[in-house]
């Protein structure tokens, strides 16, 4: 019973193969990607063959605890939406005002930003 739970959780995880990786990849997407701003987030997207995601939260947003909480929330939302998104490289950048925003509002803003950028499958 316990082993089955662990297998189910592993398949839902945000594995390393979906991460953008090192600084070189971030710089490449920043330079070549298209930017989509919103009130609390900025999305930079670059077309590609596979899905890669990066999350950037600067020290202007808050202390380490706050930055990590925001990063975890964004990662969780993207993990749940991953199958609905088009292939490419995504960087989500948090703006300083995001530190006071609850998780539900962050989720709504992330979804609307992706829809506005026409990166959700089925939206044309």
PDB file of N, CA and C in Angstrom:
ATOM      1  N   UNK A   1       0.827  -1.192   0.000  1.00  0.00           N
ATOM      2  CA  UNK A   1       0.000   0.000   0.000  1.00  0.00           C
ATOM      3  C   UNK A   1       0.868   1.252   0.000  1.00  0.00           C
ATOM      4  N   UNK A   2       1.864   1.277   0.865  1.00  0.00           N
ATOM      5  CA  UNK A   2       2.724   2.448   0.980  1.00  0.00           C
ATOM      6  C   UNK A   2       3.530   2.671  -0.294  1.00  0.00           C
ATOM      7  N   UNK A   3       3.981   1.609  -0.932  1.00  0.00           N
ATOM      8  CA  UNK A   3       4.756   1.709  -2.162  1.00  0.00           C
ATOM      9  C   UNK A   3       3.949   2.293  -3.304  1.00  0.00           C
ATOM     10  N   UNK A   4       2.644   1.994  -3.352  1.00  0.00           N
ATOM     11  CA  UNK A   4       1.789   2.515  -4.404  1.00  0.00           C
ATOM     12  C   UNK A   4       1.621   4.022  -4.265  1.00  0.00           C
ATOM     13  N   UNK A   5       1.502   4.524  -3.054  1.00  0.00           N
ATOM     14  CA  UNK A   5       1.388   5.959  -2.835  1.00  0.00           C
ATOM     15  C   UNK A   5       2.629   6.677  -3.328  1.00  0.00           C
ATOM     16  N   UNK A   6       3.780   6.097  -3.059  1.00  0.00           N
ATOM     17  CA  UNK A   6       5.033   6.721  -3.449  1.00  0.00           C
ATOM     18  C   UNK A   6       5.151   6.786  -4.978  1.00  0.00           C
ATOM     19  N   UNK A   7       4.733   5.738  -5.675  1.00  0.00           N
ATOM     20  CA  UNK A   7       4.792   5.710  -7.134  1.00  0.00           C
ATOM     21  C   UNK A   7       3.881   6.789  -7.715  1.00  0.00           C
ATOM     22  N   UNK A   8       2.692   6.956  -7.151  1.00  0.00           N
ATOM     23  CA  UNK A   8       1.762   7.964  -7.639  1.00  0.00           C
ATOM     24  C   UNK A   8       2.328   9.363  -7.444  1.00  0.00           C
ATOM     25  N   UNK A   9       2.980   9.621  -6.323  1.00  0.00           N
ATOM     26  CA  UNK A   9       3.536  10.940  -6.062  1.00  0.00           C
ATOM     27  C   UNK A   9       4.706  11.255  -6.989  1.00  0.00           C
ATOM     28  N   UNK A  10       5.507  10.268  -7.306  1.00  0.00           N
ATOM     29  CA  UNK A  10       6.672  10.487  -8.161  1.00  0.00           C
ATOM     30  C   UNK A  10       6.243  10.938  -9.546  1.00  0.00           C
ATOM     31  N   UNK A  11       5.169  10.349 -10.103  1.00  0.00           N
ATOM     32  CA  UNK A  11       4.733  10.701 -11.443  1.00  0.00           C
ATOM     33  C   UNK A  11       4.171  12.117 -11.501  1.00  0.00           C
ATOM     34  N   UNK A  12       3.702  12.663 -10.383  1.00  0.00           N
ATOM     35  CA  UNK A  12       3.155  14.005 -10.351  1.00  0.00           C
ATOM     36  C   UNK A  12       4.214  15.059 -10.043  1.00  0.00           C
ATOM     37  N   UNK A  13       5.419  14.644  -9.747  1.00  0.00           N
ATOM     38  CA  UNK A  13       6.427  15.606  -9.315  1.00  0.00           C
ATOM     39  C   UNK A  13       6.913  16.483 -10.464  1.00  0.00           C
ATOM     40  N   UNK A  14       7.531  17.579 -10.120  1.00  0.00           N
ATOM     41  CA  UNK A  14       8.117  18.496 -11.095  1.00  0.00           C
ATOM     42  C   UNK A  14       9.570  18.078 -11.270  1.00  0.00           C
ATOM     43  N   UNK A  15       9.797  17.131 -12.157  1.00  0.00           N
ATOM     44  CA  UNK A  15      11.110  16.508 -12.270  1.00  0.00           C
ATOM     45  C   UNK A  15      12.145  17.447 -12.884  1.00  0.00           C
ATOM     46  N   UNK A  16      13.373  17.060 -12.769  1.00  0.00           N
ATOM     47  CA  UNK A  16      14.494  17.864 -13.232  1.00  0.00           C
ATOM     48  C   UNK A  16      14.494  18.075 -14.737  1.00  0.00           C
ATOM     49  N   UNK A  17      13.910  17.170 -15.486  1.00  0.00           N
ATOM     50  CA  UNK A  17      13.930  17.310 -16.948  1.00  0.00           C
ATOM     51  C   UNK A  17      13.084  18.476 -17.438  1.00  0.00           C
ATOM     52  N   UNK A  18      12.209  19.002 -16.589  1.00  0.00           N
ATOM     53  CA  UNK A  18      11.395  20.153 -16.956  1.00  0.00           C
ATOM     54  C   UNK A  18      12.013  21.477 -16.502  1.00  0.00           C
ATOM     55  N   UNK A  19      13.154  21.442 -15.854  1.00  0.00           N
ATOM     56  CA  UNK A  19      13.778  22.664 -15.353  1.00  0.00           C
ATOM     57  C   UNK A  19      14.702  23.263 -16.405  1.00  0.00           C
ATOM     58  N   UNK A  20      14.772  24.553 -16.413  1.00  0.00           N
ATOM     59  CA  UNK A  20      15.582  25.267 -17.391  1.00  0.00           C
ATOM     60  C   UNK A  20      17.068  25.045 -17.166  1.00  0.00           C
ATOM     61  N   UNK A  21      17.469  24.941 -15.918  1.00  0.00           N
ATOM     62  CA  UNK A  21      18.852  24.577 -15.640  1.00  0.00           C
ATOM     63  C   UNK A  21      19.746  25.753 -15.330  1.00  0.00           C
ATOM     64  N   UNK A  22      20.892  25.770 -15.963  1.00  0.00           N
ATOM     65  CA  UNK A  22      21.933  26.730 -15.583  1.00  0.00           C
ATOM     66  C   UNK A  22      21.724  28.123 -16.171  1.00  0.00           C
ATOM     67  N   UNK A  23      22.576  29.029 -15.760  1.00  0.00           N
ATOM     68  CA  UNK A  23      22.494  30.440 -16.110  1.00  0.00           C
ATOM     69  C   UNK A  23      22.557  30.665 -17.622  1.00  0.00           C
ATOM     70  N   UNK A  24      23.290  29.841 -18.328  1.00  0.00           N
ATOM     71  CA  UNK A  24      23.423  29.973 -19.778  1.00  0.00           C
ATOM     72  C   UNK A  24      22.055  29.860 -20.466  1.00  0.00           C
ATOM     73  N   UNK A  25      21.237  28.926 -20.023  1.00  0.00           N
ATOM     74  CA  UNK A  25      19.898  28.743 -20.598  1.00  0.00           C
ATOM     75  C   UNK A  25      18.982  29.919 -20.272  1.00  0.00           C
ATOM     76  N   UNK A  26      19.065  30.424 -19.043  1.00  0.00           N
ATOM     77  CA  UNK A  26      18.273  31.598 -18.674  1.00  0.00           C
ATOM     78  C   UNK A  26      18.646  32.790 -19.552  1.00  0.00           C
ATOM     79  N   UNK A  27      19.937  33.045 -19.707  1.00  0.00           N
ATOM     80  CA  UNK A  27      20.380  34.179 -20.535  1.00  0.00           C
ATOM     81  C   UNK A  27      19.896  34.047 -21.970  1.00  0.00           C
ATOM     82  N   UNK A  28      19.929  32.830 -22.515  1.00  0.00           N
ATOM     83  CA  UNK A  28      19.486  32.585 -23.885  1.00  0.00           C
ATOM     84  C   UNK A  28      18.003  32.922 -24.043  1.00  0.00           C
ATOM     85  N   UNK A  29      17.178  32.476 -23.106  1.00  0.00           N
ATOM     86  CA  UNK A  29      15.738  32.751 -23.175  1.00  0.00           C
ATOM     87  C   UNK A  29      15.473  34.234 -22.962  1.00  0.00           C
ATOM     88  N   UNK A  30      16.184  34.882 -22.032  1.00  0.00           N
ATOM     89  CA  UNK A  30      16.021  36.322 -21.821  1.00  0.00           C
ATOM     90  C   UNK A  30      16.329  37.089 -23.107  1.00  0.00           C
ATOM     91  N   UNK A  31      17.373  36.692 -23.798  1.00  0.00           N
ATOM     92  CA  UNK A  31      17.821  37.409 -24.986  1.00  0.00           C
ATOM     93  C   UNK A  31      16.892  37.192 -26.179  1.00  0.00           C
ATOM     94  N   UNK A  32      16.434  35.966 -26.375  1.00  0.00           N
ATOM     95  CA  UNK A  32      15.669  35.635 -27.582  1.00  0.00           C
ATOM     96  C   UNK A  32      14.166  35.528 -27.383  1.00  0.00           C
ATOM     97  N   UNK A  33      13.727  35.438 -26.136  1.00  0.00           N
ATOM     98  CA  UNK A  33      12.315  35.189 -25.864  1.00  0.00           C
ATOM     99  C   UNK A  33      11.447  36.422 -25.967  1.00  0.00           C
ATOM    100  N   UNK A  34      10.136  36.192 -25.954  1.00  0.00           N
ATOM    101  CA  UNK A  34       9.142  37.264 -25.998  1.00  0.00           C
ATOM    102  C   UNK A  34       8.577  37.448 -24.594  1.00  0.00           C
ATOM    103  N   UNK A  35       8.407  38.693 -24.198  1.00  0.00           N
ATOM    104  CA  UNK A  35       7.987  39.025 -22.839  1.00  0.00           C
ATOM    105  C   UNK A  35       6.491  39.329 -22.781  1.00  0.00           C
ATOM    106  N   UNK A  36       5.838  38.830 -21.733  1.00  0.00           N
ATOM    107  CA  UNK A  36       4.422  39.076 -21.478  1.00  0.00           C
ATOM    108  C   UNK A  36       4.280  39.534 -20.031  1.00  0.00           C
ATOM    109  N   UNK A  37       4.100  40.832 -19.797  1.00  0.00           N
ATOM    110  CA  UNK A  37       4.002  41.330 -18.421  1.00  0.00           C
ATOM    111  C   UNK A  37       2.579  41.272 -17.878  1.00  0.00           C
ATOM    112  N   UNK A  38       2.468  41.198 -16.569  1.00  0.00           N
ATOM    113  CA  UNK A  38       1.198  41.361 -15.869  1.00  0.00           C
ATOM    114  C   UNK A  38       1.497  42.151 -14.592  1.00  0.00           C
ATOM    115  N   UNK A  39       0.510  42.295 -13.745  1.00  0.00           N
ATOM    116  CA  UNK A  39       0.686  43.122 -12.550  1.00  0.00           C
ATOM    117  C   UNK A  39       1.784  42.599 -11.618  1.00  0.00           C
ATOM    118  N   UNK A  40       1.781  41.302 -11.336  1.00  0.00           N
ATOM    119  CA  UNK A  40       2.717  40.738 -10.368  1.00  0.00           C
ATOM    120  C   UNK A  40       3.737  39.774 -10.964  1.00  0.00           C
ATOM    121  N   UNK A  41       3.586  39.439 -12.242  1.00  0.00           N
ATOM    122  CA  UNK A  41       4.468  38.472 -12.891  1.00  0.00           C
ATOM    123  C   UNK A  41       4.896  38.966 -14.265  1.00  0.00           C
ATOM    124  N   UNK A  42       6.008  38.447 -14.724  1.00  0.00           N
ATOM    125  CA  UNK A  42       6.432  38.635 -16.108  1.00  0.00           C
ATOM    126  C   UNK A  42       6.765  37.245 -16.628  1.00  0.00           C
ATOM    127  N   UNK A  43       6.253  36.940 -17.815  1.00  0.00           N
ATOM    128  CA  UNK A  43       6.549  35.669 -18.468  1.00  0.00           C
ATOM    129  C   UNK A  43       7.421  35.946 -19.678  1.00  0.00           C
ATOM    130  N   UNK A  44       8.500  35.199 -19.794  1.00  0.00           N
ATOM    131  CA  UNK A  44       9.327  35.261 -20.994  1.00  0.00           C
ATOM    132  C   UNK A  44       9.255  33.878 -21.620  1.00  0.00           C
ATOM    133  N   UNK A  45       8.857  33.848 -22.903  1.00  0.00           N
ATOM    134  CA  UNK A  45       8.624  32.579 -23.593  1.00  0.00           C
ATOM    135  C   UNK A  45       9.454  32.508 -24.862  1.00  0.00           C
ATOM    136  N   UNK A  46      10.002  31.330 -25.101  1.00  0.00           N
ATOM    137  CA  UNK A  46      10.751  31.056 -26.322  1.00  0.00           C
ATOM    138  C   UNK A  46      10.283  29.716 -26.852  1.00  0.00           C
ATOM    139  N   UNK A  47       9.895  29.682 -28.122  1.00  0.00           N
ATOM    140  CA  UNK A  47       9.445  28.432 -28.741  1.00  0.00           C
ATOM    141  C   UNK A  47      10.535  27.384 -28.681  1.00  0.00           C
ATOM    142  N   UNK A  48      10.136  26.137 -28.516  1.00  0.00           N
ATOM    143  CA  UNK A  48      11.100  25.050 -28.459  1.00  0.00           C
ATOM    144  C   UNK A  48      10.423  23.714 -28.664  1.00  0.00           C
ATOM    145  N   UNK A  49      11.212  22.661 -28.692  1.00  0.00           N
ATOM    146  CA  UNK A  49      10.689  21.314 -28.928  1.00  0.00           C
ATOM    147  C   UNK A  49      10.208  20.642 -27.659  1.00  0.00           C
ATOM    148  N   UNK A  50      10.720  21.061 -26.525  1.00  0.00           N
ATOM    149  CA  UNK A  50      10.332  20.435 -25.264  1.00  0.00           C
ATOM    150  C   UNK A  50       9.993  21.518 -24.251  1.00  0.00           C
ATOM    151  N   UNK A  51       9.317  21.119 -23.201  1.00  0.00           N
ATOM    152  CA  UNK A  51       8.945  22.066 -22.158  1.00  0.00           C
ATOM    153  C   UNK A  51      10.066  22.207 -21.142  1.00  0.00           C
ATOM    154  N   UNK A  52      10.461  23.453 -20.888  1.00  0.00           N
ATOM    155  CA  UNK A  52      11.434  23.773 -19.846  1.00  0.00           C
ATOM    156  C   UNK A  52      10.904  24.996 -19.105  1.00  0.00           C
ATOM    157  N   UNK A  53      11.028  24.974 -17.787  1.00  0.00           N
ATOM    158  CA  UNK A  53      10.504  26.060 -16.972  1.00  0.00           C
ATOM    159  C   UNK A  53      11.573  26.594 -16.036  1.00  0.00           C
ATOM    160  N   UNK A  54      11.592  27.911 -15.872  1.00  0.00           N
ATOM    161  CA  UNK A  54      12.481  28.552 -14.926  1.00  0.00           C
ATOM    162  C   UNK A  54      11.695  29.564 -14.113  1.00  0.00           C
ATOM    163  N   UNK A  55      12.119  29.774 -12.885  1.00  0.00           N
ATOM    164  CA  UNK A  55      11.427  30.690 -11.976  1.00  0.00           C
ATOM    165  C   UNK A  55      12.461  31.631 -11.380  1.00  0.00           C
ATOM    166  N   UNK A  56      12.196  32.929 -11.481  1.00  0.00           N
ATOM    167  CA  UNK A  56      13.135  33.918 -10.992  1.00  0.00           C
ATOM    168  C   UNK A  56      12.436  34.822  -9.975  1.00  0.00           C
ATOM    169  N   UNK A  57      12.976  34.863  -8.773  1.00  0.00           N
ATOM    170  CA  UNK A  57      12.433  35.714  -7.719  1.00  0.00           C
ATOM    171  C   UNK A  57      13.618  36.462  -7.112  1.00  0.00           C
ATOM    172  N   UNK A  58      13.703  37.761  -7.357  1.00  0.00           N
ATOM    173  CA  UNK A  58      14.865  38.522  -6.899  1.00  0.00           C
ATOM    174  C   UNK A  58      14.768  38.840  -5.410  1.00  0.00           C
ATOM    175  N   UNK A  59      15.862  39.291  -4.856  1.00  0.00           N
ATOM    176  CA  UNK A  59      15.897  39.619  -3.433  1.00  0.00           C
ATOM    177  C   UNK A  59      15.070  40.861  -3.106  1.00  0.00           C
ATOM    178  N   UNK A  60      14.639  41.609  -4.115  1.00  0.00           N
ATOM    179  CA  UNK A  60      13.757  42.760  -3.885  1.00  0.00           C
ATOM    180  C   UNK A  60      12.375  42.312  -3.426  1.00  0.00           C
ATOM    181  N   UNK A  61      12.023  41.066  -3.713  1.00  0.00           N
ATOM    182  CA  UNK A  61      10.696  40.554  -3.372  1.00  0.00           C
ATOM    183  C   UNK A  61      10.562  40.315  -1.870  1.00  0.00           C
ATOM    184  N   UNK A  62      11.625  39.916  -1.213  1.00  0.00           N
ATOM    185  CA  UNK A  62      11.548  39.682   0.223  1.00  0.00           C
ATOM    186  C   UNK A  62      12.713  38.834   0.691  1.00  0.00           C
ATOM    187  N   UNK A  63      12.588  38.328   1.906  1.00  0.00           N
ATOM    188  CA  UNK A  63      13.663  37.490   2.439  1.00  0.00           C
ATOM    189  C   UNK A  63      13.606  36.097   1.812  1.00  0.00           C
ATOM    190  N   UNK A  64      14.518  35.228   2.176  1.00  0.00           N
ATOM    191  CA  UNK A  64      14.640  33.910   1.554  1.00  0.00           C
ATOM    192  C   UNK A  64      13.381  33.068   1.736  1.00  0.00           C
ATOM    193  N   UNK A  65      12.758  33.165   2.892  1.00  0.00           N
ATOM    194  CA  UNK A  65      11.550  32.387   3.159  1.00  0.00           C
ATOM    195  C   UNK A  65      10.440  32.807   2.193  1.00  0.00           C
ATOM    196  N   UNK A  66      10.255  34.104   2.022  1.00  0.00           N
ATOM    197  CA  UNK A  66       9.229  34.624   1.124  1.00  0.00           C
ATOM    198  C   UNK A  66       9.521  34.236  -0.318  1.00  0.00           C
ATOM    199  N   UNK A  67      10.753  34.389  -0.738  1.00  0.00           N
ATOM    200  CA  UNK A  67      11.125  34.050  -2.124  1.00  0.00           C
ATOM    201  C   UNK A  67      10.906  32.573  -2.407  1.00  0.00           C
ATOM    202  N   UNK A  68      11.285  31.720  -1.466  1.00  0.00           N
ATOM    203  CA  UNK A  68      11.102  30.283  -1.666  1.00  0.00           C
ATOM    204  C   UNK A  68       9.629  29.892  -1.678  1.00  0.00           C
ATOM    205  N   UNK A  69       8.816  30.548  -0.853  1.00  0.00           N
ATOM    206  CA  UNK A  69       7.377  30.273  -0.844  1.00  0.00           C
ATOM    207  C   UNK A  69       6.763  30.630  -2.191  1.00  0.00           C
ATOM    208  N   UNK A  70       7.123  31.787  -2.724  1.00  0.00           N
ATOM    209  CA  UNK A  70       6.613  32.216  -4.025  1.00  0.00           C
ATOM    210  C   UNK A  70       7.066  31.262  -5.123  1.00  0.00           C
ATOM    211  N   UNK A  71       8.324  30.865  -5.082  1.00  0.00           N
ATOM    212  CA  UNK A  71       8.859  29.938  -6.083  1.00  0.00           C
ATOM    213  C   UNK A  71       8.139  28.590  -6.017  1.00  0.00           C
ATOM    214  N   UNK A  72       7.895  28.093  -4.800  1.00  0.00           N
ATOM    215  CA  UNK A  72       7.178  26.824  -4.649  1.00  0.00           C
ATOM    216  C   UNK A  72       5.749  26.915  -5.175  1.00  0.00           C
ATOM    217  N   UNK A  73       5.092  28.036  -4.907  1.00  0.00           N
ATOM    218  CA  UNK A  73       3.720  28.221  -5.400  1.00  0.00           C
ATOM    219  C   UNK A  73       3.683  28.245  -6.927  1.00  0.00           C
ATOM    220  N   UNK A  74       4.592  29.001  -7.527  1.00  0.00           N
ATOM    221  CA  UNK A  74       4.636  29.070  -8.993  1.00  0.00           C
ATOM    222  C   UNK A  74       4.943  27.695  -9.580  1.00  0.00           C
ATOM    223  N   UNK A  75       5.894  26.983  -8.998  1.00  0.00           N
ATOM    224  CA  UNK A  75       6.268  25.661  -9.492  1.00  0.00           C
ATOM    225  C   UNK A  75       5.092  24.692  -9.399  1.00  0.00           C
ATOM    226  N   UNK A  76       4.353  24.764  -8.304  1.00  0.00           N
ATOM    227  CA  UNK A  76       3.194  23.886  -8.124  1.00  0.00           C
ATOM    228  C   UNK A  76       2.120  24.186  -9.168  1.00  0.00           C
ATOM    229  N   UNK A  77       1.835  25.452  -9.417  1.00  0.00           N
ATOM    230  CA  UNK A  77       0.829  25.823 -10.412  1.00  0.00           C
ATOM    231  C   UNK A  77       1.243  25.368 -11.810  1.00  0.00           C
ATOM    232  N   UNK A  78       2.497  25.556 -12.151  1.00  0.00           N
ATOM    233  CA  UNK A  78       2.986  25.147 -13.468  1.00  0.00           C
ATOM    234  C   UNK A  78       2.971  23.622 -13.584  1.00  0.00           C
ATOM    235  N   UNK A  79       3.305  22.926 -12.514  1.00  0.00           N
ATOM    236  CA  UNK A  79       3.283  21.462 -12.525  1.00  0.00           C
ATOM    237  C   UNK A  79       1.889  20.944 -12.853  1.00  0.00           C
ATOM    238  N   UNK A  80       0.865  21.576 -12.276  1.00  0.00           N
ATOM    239  CA  UNK A  80      -0.509  21.154 -12.526  1.00  0.00           C
ATOM    240  C   UNK A  80      -0.964  21.491 -13.943  1.00  0.00           C
ATOM    241  N   UNK A  81      -0.434  22.562 -14.512  1.00  0.00           N
ATOM    242  CA  UNK A  81      -0.843  23.008 -15.848  1.00  0.00           C
ATOM    243  C   UNK A  81       0.043  22.471 -16.967  1.00  0.00           C
ATOM    244  N   UNK A  82       1.102  21.788 -16.631  1.00  0.00           N
ATOM    245  CA  UNK A  82       2.124  21.399 -17.610  1.00  0.00           C
ATOM    246  C   UNK A  82       1.552  20.710 -18.851  1.00  0.00           C
ATOM    247  N   UNK A  83       0.583  19.833 -18.686  1.00  0.00           N
ATOM    248  CA  UNK A  83       0.033  19.096 -19.817  1.00  0.00           C
ATOM    249  C   UNK A  83      -0.807  19.987 -20.736  1.00  0.00           C
ATOM    250  N   UNK A  84      -1.282  21.123 -20.227  1.00  0.00           N
ATOM    251  CA  UNK A  84      -2.106  22.034 -21.011  1.00  0.00           C
ATOM    252  C   UNK A  84      -1.275  23.041 -21.797  1.00  0.00           C
ATOM    253  N   UNK A  85       0.029  23.129 -21.524  1.00  0.00           N
ATOM    254  CA  UNK A  85       0.866  24.173 -22.105  1.00  0.00           C
ATOM    255  C   UNK A  85       1.578  23.706 -23.365  1.00  0.00           C
ATOM    256  N   UNK A  86       1.821  24.658 -24.252  1.00  0.00           N
ATOM    257  CA  UNK A  86       2.567  24.381 -25.473  1.00  0.00           C
ATOM    258  C   UNK A  86       4.040  24.167 -25.145  1.00  0.00           C
ATOM    259  N   UNK A  87       4.747  23.526 -26.053  1.00  0.00           N
ATOM    260  CA  UNK A  87       6.174  23.281 -25.859  1.00  0.00           C
ATOM    261  C   UNK A  87       6.948  24.585 -25.993  1.00  0.00           C
ATOM    262  N   UNK A  88       8.029  24.681 -25.256  1.00  0.00           N
ATOM    263  CA  UNK A  88       8.867  25.862 -25.300  1.00  0.00           C
ATOM    264  C   UNK A  88       9.571  26.066 -23.978  1.00  0.00           C
ATOM    265  N   UNK A  89      10.290  27.165 -23.900  1.00  0.00           N
ATOM    266  CA  UNK A  89      11.018  27.509 -22.679  1.00  0.00           C
ATOM    267  C   UNK A  89      10.331  28.701 -22.035  1.00  0.00           C
ATOM    268  N   UNK A  90      10.016  28.551 -20.760  1.00  0.00           N
ATOM    269  CA  UNK A  90       9.272  29.551 -20.008  1.00  0.00           C
ATOM    270  C   UNK A  90      10.125  30.038 -18.844  1.00  0.00           C
ATOM    271  N   UNK A  91      10.121  31.352 -18.622  1.00  0.00           N
ATOM    272  CA  UNK A  91      10.692  31.904 -17.398  1.00  0.00           C
ATOM    273  C   UNK A  91       9.618  32.781 -16.760  1.00  0.00           C
ATOM    274  N   UNK A  92       9.310  32.495 -15.510  1.00  0.00           N
ATOM    275  CA  UNK A  92       8.355  33.288 -14.750  1.00  0.00           C
ATOM    276  C   UNK A  92       9.149  34.150 -13.773  1.00  0.00           C
ATOM    277  N   UNK A  93       8.961  35.468 -13.864  1.00  0.00           N
ATOM    278  CA  UNK A  93       9.685  36.404 -13.014  1.00  0.00           C
ATOM    279  C   UNK A  93       8.685  37.062 -12.064  1.00  0.00           C
ATOM    280  N   UNK A  94       8.964  36.988 -10.781  1.00  0.00           N
ATOM    281  CA  UNK A  94       8.089  37.574  -9.766  1.00  0.00           C
ATOM    282  C   UNK A  94       8.450  39.036  -9.554  1.00  0.00           C
ATOM    283  N   UNK A  95       7.429  39.867  -9.485  1.00  0.00           N
ATOM    284  CA  UNK A  95       7.633  41.282  -9.162  1.00  0.00           C
ATOM    285  C   UNK A  95       7.494  41.469  -7.649  1.00  0.00           C
ATOM    286  N   UNK A  96       8.064  42.548  -7.101  1.00  0.00           N
ATOM    287  CA  UNK A  96       8.052  42.740  -5.642  1.00  0.00           C
ATOM    288  C   UNK A  96       6.668  42.758  -4.994  1.00  0.00           C
ATOM    289  N   UNK A  97       5.640  43.201  -5.712  1.00  0.00           N
ATOM    290  CA  UNK A  97       4.295  43.252  -5.135  1.00  0.00           C
ATOM    291  C   UNK A  97       3.713  41.868  -4.877  1.00  0.00           C
ATOM    292  N   UNK A  98       4.335  40.840  -5.416  1.00  0.00           N
ATOM    293  CA  UNK A  98       3.816  39.478  -5.282  1.00  0.00           C
ATOM    294  C   UNK A  98       3.908  38.934  -3.864  1.00  0.00           C
ATOM    295  N   UNK A  99       4.742  39.541  -3.022  1.00  0.00           N
ATOM    296  CA  UNK A  99       4.921  38.996  -1.672  1.00  0.00           C
ATOM    297  C   UNK A  99       3.665  39.095  -0.811  1.00  0.00           C
ATOM    298  N   UNK A 100       2.739  39.978  -1.138  1.00  0.00           N
ATOM    299  CA  UNK A 100       1.519  40.128  -0.350  1.00  0.00           C
ATOM    300  C   UNK A 100       0.323  39.413  -0.982  1.00  0.00           C
ATOM    301  N   UNK A 101       0.520  38.787  -2.131  1.00  0.00           N
ATOM    302  CA  UNK A 101      -0.577  38.161  -2.869  1.00  0.00           C
ATOM    303  C   UNK A 101      -0.790  36.722  -2.384  1.00  0.00           C
ATOM    304  N   UNK A 102      -2.040  36.329  -2.094  1.00  0.00           N
ATOM    305  CA  UNK A 102      -2.298  34.934  -1.699  1.00  0.00           C
ATOM    306  C   UNK A 102      -2.130  33.970  -2.881  1.00  0.00           C
ATOM    307  N   UNK A 103      -1.960  32.703  -2.566  1.00  0.00           N
ATOM    308  CA  UNK A 103      -1.679  31.688  -3.580  1.00  0.00           C
ATOM    309  C   UNK A 103      -2.792  31.585  -4.631  1.00  0.00           C
ATOM    310  N   UNK A 104      -4.057  31.682  -4.238  1.00  0.00           N
ATOM    311  CA  UNK A 104      -5.163  31.568  -5.187  1.00  0.00           C
ATOM    312  C   UNK A 104      -5.111  32.681  -6.227  1.00  0.00           C
ATOM    313  N   UNK A 105      -4.783  33.888  -5.785  1.00  0.00           N
ATOM    314  CA  UNK A 105      -4.689  35.012  -6.715  1.00  0.00           C
ATOM    315  C   UNK A 105      -3.488  34.843  -7.649  1.00  0.00           C
ATOM    316  N   UNK A 106      -2.394  34.327  -7.119  1.00  0.00           N
ATOM    317  CA  UNK A 106      -1.220  34.042  -7.942  1.00  0.00           C
ATOM    318  C   UNK A 106      -1.564  33.019  -9.022  1.00  0.00           C
ATOM    319  N   UNK A 107      -2.317  31.986  -8.650  1.00  0.00           N
ATOM    320  CA  UNK A 107      -2.733  30.959  -9.606  1.00  0.00           C
ATOM    321  C   UNK A 107      -3.585  31.561 -10.714  1.00  0.00           C
ATOM    322  N   UNK A 108      -4.550  32.401 -10.329  1.00  0.00           N
ATOM    323  CA  UNK A 108      -5.415  33.059 -11.327  1.00  0.00           C
ATOM    324  C   UNK A 108      -4.594  33.920 -12.275  1.00  0.00           C
ATOM    325  N   UNK A 109      -3.671  34.686 -11.714  1.00  0.00           N
ATOM    326  CA  UNK A 109      -2.855  35.575 -12.546  1.00  0.00           C
ATOM    327  C   UNK A 109      -1.950  34.780 -13.487  1.00  0.00           C
ATOM    328  N   UNK A 110      -1.397  33.693 -13.004  1.00  0.00           N
ATOM    329  CA  UNK A 110      -0.544  32.843 -13.835  1.00  0.00           C
ATOM    330  C   UNK A 110      -1.343  32.255 -14.990  1.00  0.00           C
ATOM    331  N   UNK A 111      -2.540  31.751 -14.700  1.00  0.00           N
ATOM    332  CA  UNK A 111      -3.392  31.189 -15.758  1.00  0.00           C
ATOM    333  C   UNK A 111      -3.791  32.252 -16.784  1.00  0.00           C
ATOM    334  N   UNK A 112      -4.183  33.423 -16.313  1.00  0.00           N
ATOM    335  CA  UNK A 112      -4.601  34.474 -17.252  1.00  0.00           C
ATOM    336  C   UNK A 112      -3.424  34.969 -18.087  1.00  0.00           C
ATOM    337  N   UNK A 113      -2.249  35.020 -17.492  1.00  0.00           N
ATOM    338  CA  UNK A 113      -1.050  35.440 -18.233  1.00  0.00           C
ATOM    339  C   UNK A 113      -0.733  34.446 -19.341  1.00  0.00           C
ATOM    340  N   UNK A 114      -0.793  33.160 -19.038  1.00  0.00           N
ATOM    341  CA  UNK A 114      -0.534  32.133 -20.052  1.00  0.00           C
ATOM    342  C   UNK A 114      -1.606  32.146 -21.142  1.00  0.00           C
ATOM    343  N   UNK A 115      -2.856  32.372 -20.759  1.00  0.00           N
ATOM    344  CA  UNK A 115      -3.933  32.442 -21.750  1.00  0.00           C
ATOM    345  C   UNK A 115      -3.771  33.668 -22.646  1.00  0.00           C
ATOM    346  N   UNK A 116      -3.399  34.800 -22.058  1.00  0.00           N
ATOM    347  CA  UNK A 116      -3.200  36.023 -22.833  1.00  0.00           C
ATOM    348  C   UNK A 116      -2.042  35.878 -23.808  1.00  0.00           C
ATOM    349  N   UNK A 117      -1.036  35.109 -23.416  1.00  0.00           N
ATOM    350  CA  UNK A 117       0.121  34.873 -24.285  1.00  0.00           C
ATOM    351  C   UNK A 117      -0.167  33.776 -25.312  1.00  0.00           C
ATOM    352  N   UNK A 118      -1.378  33.176 -25.247  1.00  0.00           N
ATOM    353  CA  UNK A 118      -1.804  32.110 -26.157  1.00  0.00           C
ATOM    354  C   UNK A 118      -0.874  30.906 -26.104  1.00  0.00           C
ATOM    355  N   UNK A 119      -0.508  30.512 -24.890  1.00  0.00           N
ATOM    356  CA  UNK A 119       0.396  29.379 -24.702  1.00  0.00           C
ATOM    357  C   UNK A 119      -0.312  28.157 -24.141  1.00  0.00           C
ATOM    358  N   UNK A 120      -1.635  28.239 -23.982  1.00  0.00           N
ATOM    359  CA  UNK A 120      -2.417  27.098 -23.517  1.00  0.00           C
ATOM    360  C   UNK A 120      -2.925  26.356 -24.739  1.00  0.00           C
ATOM    361  N   UNK A 121      -2.731  25.035 -24.763  1.00  0.00           N
ATOM    362  CA  UNK A 121      -3.196  24.238 -25.908  1.00  0.00           C
ATOM    363  C   UNK A 121      -4.696  24.387 -26.059  1.00  0.00           C
ATOM    364  N   UNK A 122      -5.151  24.471 -27.288  1.00  0.00           N
ATOM    365  CA  UNK A 122      -6.574  24.628 -27.548  1.00  0.00           C
ATOM    366  C   UNK A 122      -6.958  26.083 -27.751  1.00  0.00           C
ATOM    367  N   UNK A 123      -6.233  27.017 -27.150  1.00  0.00           N
ATOM    368  CA  UNK A 123      -6.488  28.451 -27.377  1.00  0.00           C
ATOM    369  C   UNK A 123      -5.765  28.863 -28.639  1.00  0.00           C
ATOM    370  N   UNK A 124      -6.463  29.497 -29.522  1.00  0.00           N
ATOM    371  CA  UNK A 124      -5.828  29.961 -30.764  1.00  0.00           C
ATOM    372  C   UNK A 124      -6.049  31.419 -30.957  1.00  0.00           C
TER     373      UNK A 124
END
